[in-house]
N, C-alpha and C. Protein backbone atom coordinates (compact mmCIF):
# COMPACT_ATOMS: atom_id res chain seq x y z
N MET A 1 31.48 -16.35 30.11
CA MET A 1 32.68 -16.88 30.74
C MET A 1 33.17 -18.07 29.92
N ASN A 2 34.42 -18.45 30.12
CA ASN A 2 34.96 -19.61 29.40
C ASN A 2 34.66 -20.90 30.16
N PHE A 3 35.01 -22.03 29.56
CA PHE A 3 34.70 -23.33 30.12
C PHE A 3 35.40 -23.54 31.47
N GLY A 4 36.65 -23.10 31.59
CA GLY A 4 37.37 -23.24 32.86
C GLY A 4 36.66 -22.57 34.01
N LYS A 5 36.18 -21.35 33.77
CA LYS A 5 35.44 -20.63 34.81
C LYS A 5 34.10 -21.31 35.09
N ALA A 6 33.50 -21.86 34.05
CA ALA A 6 32.23 -22.57 34.23
C ALA A 6 32.42 -23.79 35.12
N ILE A 7 33.50 -24.53 34.90
CA ILE A 7 33.78 -25.71 35.72
C ILE A 7 34.03 -25.30 37.18
N LYS A 8 34.76 -24.22 37.38
CA LYS A 8 34.99 -23.73 38.75
C LYS A 8 33.66 -23.40 39.42
N ALA A 9 32.74 -22.78 38.68
CA ALA A 9 31.42 -22.44 39.23
C ALA A 9 30.65 -23.71 39.59
N VAL A 10 30.72 -24.72 38.74
CA VAL A 10 30.03 -25.99 38.99
C VAL A 10 30.57 -26.64 40.25
N LYS A 11 31.88 -26.60 40.43
CA LYS A 11 32.49 -27.19 41.63
C LYS A 11 32.06 -26.47 42.90
N LEU A 12 31.63 -25.24 42.76
CA LEU A 12 31.13 -24.46 43.90
C LEU A 12 29.63 -24.65 44.12
N GLY A 13 29.02 -25.56 43.34
CA GLY A 13 27.61 -25.86 43.52
C GLY A 13 26.67 -25.06 42.64
N ARG A 14 27.21 -24.32 41.70
CA ARG A 14 26.36 -23.52 40.82
C ARG A 14 25.99 -24.29 39.57
N ARG A 15 24.99 -23.78 38.86
CA ARG A 15 24.57 -24.36 37.59
C ARG A 15 25.01 -23.43 36.47
N VAL A 16 25.44 -24.01 35.36
CA VAL A 16 25.90 -23.21 34.23
C VAL A 16 25.23 -23.70 32.95
N ALA A 17 25.22 -22.81 31.95
CA ALA A 17 24.65 -23.15 30.65
C ALA A 17 25.34 -22.31 29.59
N ARG A 18 25.23 -22.75 28.36
CA ARG A 18 25.71 -21.96 27.24
C ARG A 18 24.60 -21.01 26.82
N ALA A 19 24.95 -19.78 26.54
CA ALA A 19 23.97 -18.79 26.08
C ALA A 19 23.32 -19.25 24.77
N GLY A 20 24.05 -20.00 23.97
CA GLY A 20 23.55 -20.44 22.67
C GLY A 20 22.68 -21.68 22.70
N TRP A 21 22.51 -22.32 23.85
CA TRP A 21 21.66 -23.51 23.90
C TRP A 21 20.22 -23.10 23.69
N ASN A 22 19.52 -23.86 22.88
CA ASN A 22 18.14 -23.53 22.51
C ASN A 22 17.10 -24.03 23.50
N GLY A 23 17.39 -25.12 24.18
CA GLY A 23 16.40 -25.72 25.07
C GLY A 23 16.19 -24.93 26.35
N ARG A 24 14.95 -24.68 26.68
CA ARG A 24 14.61 -23.94 27.90
C ARG A 24 14.96 -24.78 29.13
N GLY A 25 15.65 -24.16 30.08
CA GLY A 25 15.97 -24.83 31.33
C GLY A 25 17.19 -25.73 31.30
N MET A 26 17.85 -25.82 30.14
CA MET A 26 19.04 -26.68 30.06
C MET A 26 20.16 -26.09 30.91
N CYS A 27 20.88 -26.96 31.61
CA CYS A 27 22.03 -26.51 32.39
C CYS A 27 22.88 -27.70 32.76
N VAL A 28 24.07 -27.42 33.25
CA VAL A 28 25.01 -28.44 33.72
C VAL A 28 25.27 -28.17 35.20
N PHE A 29 25.30 -29.23 35.99
CA PHE A 29 25.58 -29.11 37.41
C PHE A 29 26.33 -30.34 37.88
N LEU A 30 26.83 -30.30 39.09
CA LEU A 30 27.61 -31.39 39.66
C LEU A 30 26.74 -32.26 40.56
N VAL A 31 26.83 -33.55 40.37
CA VAL A 31 26.25 -34.50 41.31
C VAL A 31 27.43 -35.03 42.13
N THR A 32 27.39 -34.80 43.43
CA THR A 32 28.51 -35.20 44.28
C THR A 32 28.66 -36.71 44.32
N GLY A 33 29.89 -37.13 44.59
CA GLY A 33 30.16 -38.55 44.75
C GLY A 33 29.81 -39.00 46.16
N GLU A 34 30.02 -40.28 46.40
CA GLU A 34 29.78 -40.84 47.74
C GLU A 34 30.98 -41.70 48.11
N ILE A 35 31.40 -41.58 49.36
CA ILE A 35 32.54 -42.35 49.84
C ILE A 35 32.41 -42.51 51.35
N THR A 36 32.92 -43.62 51.86
CA THR A 36 32.93 -43.79 53.32
C THR A 36 34.07 -42.96 53.90
N GLU A 37 33.92 -42.58 55.15
CA GLU A 37 34.97 -41.78 55.80
C GLU A 37 36.29 -42.54 55.81
N LYS A 38 36.22 -43.84 56.05
CA LYS A 38 37.44 -44.66 56.08
C LYS A 38 38.15 -44.62 54.73
N GLU A 39 37.41 -44.80 53.64
CA GLU A 39 38.02 -44.76 52.30
C GLU A 39 38.61 -43.39 52.00
N LEU A 40 37.89 -42.34 52.38
CA LEU A 40 38.37 -40.98 52.13
C LEU A 40 39.69 -40.74 52.86
N MET A 41 39.78 -41.23 54.09
CA MET A 41 41.01 -41.07 54.87
C MET A 41 42.13 -41.90 54.25
N LEU A 42 41.81 -43.13 53.81
CA LEU A 42 42.83 -43.99 53.19
C LEU A 42 43.39 -43.36 51.92
N ARG A 43 42.54 -42.66 51.21
CA ARG A 43 42.95 -42.05 49.93
C ARG A 43 43.52 -40.64 50.12
N ASN A 44 43.64 -40.23 51.37
CA ASN A 44 44.25 -38.94 51.69
C ASN A 44 43.49 -37.76 51.07
N ALA A 45 42.17 -37.83 51.07
CA ALA A 45 41.27 -36.77 50.62
C ALA A 45 41.35 -36.47 49.12
N VAL A 46 41.97 -37.38 48.35
CA VAL A 46 41.97 -37.26 46.89
C VAL A 46 41.59 -38.63 46.34
N VAL A 47 40.51 -38.68 45.58
CA VAL A 47 39.98 -39.95 45.09
C VAL A 47 40.08 -39.96 43.57
N GLY A 48 40.97 -40.78 43.05
CA GLY A 48 41.15 -40.84 41.60
C GLY A 48 41.52 -39.49 41.00
N GLY A 49 42.25 -38.69 41.76
CA GLY A 49 42.65 -37.37 41.31
C GLY A 49 41.61 -36.29 41.56
N VAL A 50 40.48 -36.67 42.14
CA VAL A 50 39.38 -35.73 42.38
C VAL A 50 39.39 -35.31 43.85
N ASP A 51 39.24 -34.03 44.09
CA ASP A 51 39.23 -33.47 45.44
C ASP A 51 38.13 -34.13 46.28
N GLY A 52 38.49 -34.57 47.46
CA GLY A 52 37.54 -35.21 48.37
C GLY A 52 36.37 -34.32 48.75
N ALA A 53 36.51 -33.00 48.57
CA ALA A 53 35.41 -32.08 48.88
C ALA A 53 34.22 -32.28 47.95
N LEU A 54 34.41 -32.99 46.84
CA LEU A 54 33.31 -33.21 45.90
C LEU A 54 32.56 -34.51 46.19
N PHE A 55 32.81 -35.07 47.38
CA PHE A 55 32.16 -36.31 47.81
C PHE A 55 31.33 -36.07 49.06
N GLU A 56 30.26 -36.81 49.17
CA GLU A 56 29.47 -36.85 50.40
C GLU A 56 29.92 -38.09 51.16
N VAL A 57 30.15 -37.95 52.45
CA VAL A 57 30.56 -39.10 53.26
C VAL A 57 29.32 -39.89 53.66
N VAL A 58 29.35 -41.19 53.38
CA VAL A 58 28.24 -42.09 53.69
C VAL A 58 28.73 -43.19 54.62
N GLU A 59 27.80 -43.87 55.27
CA GLU A 59 28.18 -44.90 56.24
C GLU A 59 28.78 -46.13 55.58
N SER A 60 28.20 -46.56 54.46
CA SER A 60 28.70 -47.76 53.80
C SER A 60 28.36 -47.71 52.32
N GLY A 61 28.95 -48.64 51.58
CA GLY A 61 28.68 -48.73 50.16
C GLY A 61 29.92 -48.46 49.34
N PRO A 62 29.80 -48.65 48.05
CA PRO A 62 30.94 -48.44 47.17
C PRO A 62 31.23 -46.96 46.98
N THR A 63 32.45 -46.66 46.59
CA THR A 63 32.80 -45.29 46.24
C THR A 63 32.11 -44.96 44.91
N VAL A 64 31.40 -43.85 44.89
CA VAL A 64 30.72 -43.38 43.68
C VAL A 64 31.36 -42.05 43.31
N MET A 65 31.88 -41.96 42.11
CA MET A 65 32.57 -40.75 41.67
C MET A 65 31.57 -39.64 41.36
N PRO A 66 31.94 -38.38 41.62
CA PRO A 66 31.07 -37.26 41.25
C PRO A 66 31.01 -37.17 39.73
N CYS A 67 29.98 -36.52 39.22
CA CYS A 67 29.89 -36.38 37.77
C CYS A 67 29.14 -35.11 37.38
N LEU A 68 29.46 -34.63 36.19
CA LEU A 68 28.71 -33.53 35.61
C LEU A 68 27.40 -34.09 35.09
N THR A 69 26.33 -33.38 35.33
CA THR A 69 25.01 -33.81 34.89
C THR A 69 24.34 -32.66 34.15
N MET A 70 23.69 -32.99 33.05
CA MET A 70 22.97 -31.97 32.29
C MET A 70 21.48 -32.14 32.51
N ARG A 71 20.83 -31.03 32.78
CA ARG A 71 19.37 -31.01 32.76
C ARG A 71 18.99 -30.70 31.32
N ALA A 72 18.35 -31.64 30.66
CA ALA A 72 17.97 -31.48 29.26
C ALA A 72 16.69 -30.66 29.14
N ALA A 73 16.37 -30.25 27.94
CA ALA A 73 15.21 -29.40 27.69
C ALA A 73 13.91 -30.07 28.11
N ASP A 74 13.86 -31.40 28.07
CA ASP A 74 12.63 -32.11 28.46
C ASP A 74 12.56 -32.39 29.96
N GLY A 75 13.56 -31.89 30.71
CA GLY A 75 13.56 -32.07 32.16
C GLY A 75 14.31 -33.30 32.64
N SER A 76 14.72 -34.16 31.71
CA SER A 76 15.47 -35.35 32.10
C SER A 76 16.90 -34.96 32.48
N HIS A 77 17.57 -35.84 33.20
CA HIS A 77 18.94 -35.59 33.62
C HIS A 77 19.87 -36.55 32.88
N VAL A 78 20.92 -36.03 32.28
CA VAL A 78 21.92 -36.82 31.58
C VAL A 78 23.13 -36.93 32.51
N MET A 79 23.22 -38.06 33.20
CA MET A 79 24.32 -38.28 34.15
C MET A 79 25.60 -38.56 33.37
N GLY A 80 26.70 -37.97 33.82
CA GLY A 80 27.97 -38.18 33.14
C GLY A 80 28.05 -37.42 31.83
N TRP A 81 27.43 -36.24 31.79
CA TRP A 81 27.45 -35.41 30.58
C TRP A 81 28.88 -35.10 30.18
N LEU A 82 29.15 -35.17 28.88
CA LEU A 82 30.47 -34.85 28.34
C LEU A 82 30.37 -33.62 27.45
N ALA A 83 31.27 -32.69 27.65
CA ALA A 83 31.30 -31.47 26.84
C ALA A 83 31.85 -31.78 25.45
N SER A 84 31.29 -31.12 24.45
CA SER A 84 31.82 -31.23 23.09
C SER A 84 33.03 -30.31 22.95
N GLN A 85 33.74 -30.44 21.85
CA GLN A 85 34.87 -29.54 21.58
C GLN A 85 34.39 -28.09 21.54
N THR A 86 33.23 -27.87 20.95
CA THR A 86 32.68 -26.52 20.88
C THR A 86 32.35 -26.00 22.27
N ASP A 87 31.76 -26.85 23.13
CA ASP A 87 31.47 -26.44 24.50
C ASP A 87 32.75 -26.05 25.24
N ILE A 88 33.80 -26.82 25.07
CA ILE A 88 35.05 -26.57 25.77
C ILE A 88 35.68 -25.25 25.33
N LEU A 89 35.58 -24.93 24.06
CA LEU A 89 36.21 -23.73 23.52
C LEU A 89 35.32 -22.49 23.59
N ALA A 90 34.05 -22.68 23.94
CA ALA A 90 33.09 -21.57 23.95
C ALA A 90 33.39 -20.55 25.03
N GLU A 91 33.01 -19.32 24.76
CA GLU A 91 33.17 -18.20 25.70
C GLU A 91 31.81 -17.68 26.18
N ASP A 92 30.73 -18.42 25.87
CA ASP A 92 29.38 -17.93 26.21
C ASP A 92 28.73 -18.68 27.37
N TRP A 93 29.55 -19.30 28.23
CA TRP A 93 29.02 -19.94 29.42
C TRP A 93 28.54 -18.87 30.41
N GLU A 94 27.46 -19.19 31.12
CA GLU A 94 26.93 -18.26 32.12
C GLU A 94 26.30 -19.05 33.26
N GLU A 95 26.31 -18.46 34.44
CA GLU A 95 25.62 -19.07 35.57
C GLU A 95 24.13 -18.87 35.40
N VAL A 96 23.37 -19.90 35.78
CA VAL A 96 21.91 -19.83 35.69
C VAL A 96 21.31 -20.22 37.03
N ALA A 97 20.07 -19.85 37.24
CA ALA A 97 19.38 -20.17 38.50
C ALA A 97 18.91 -21.60 38.55
């Protein structure tokens, strides 16, 4: 699948990876944001251009934006993962377990 379809899958809670990645277990997934119900209502369910459905409602605290996270080959998590130009243009994205 292409990158656009991969992002749609991630927004639905799925994990995706490139077929060409060499590291075992590598994948990209979404870590939901956090927002208070009051803030979500004030922002009309769109926070910084991001759909409010990608946030978990919490009782208090600062607004935390959702982010793409990569599970690296060593099992660590790279919060705020950014796709390369090659990743964006690739057609070998696939859903993984």
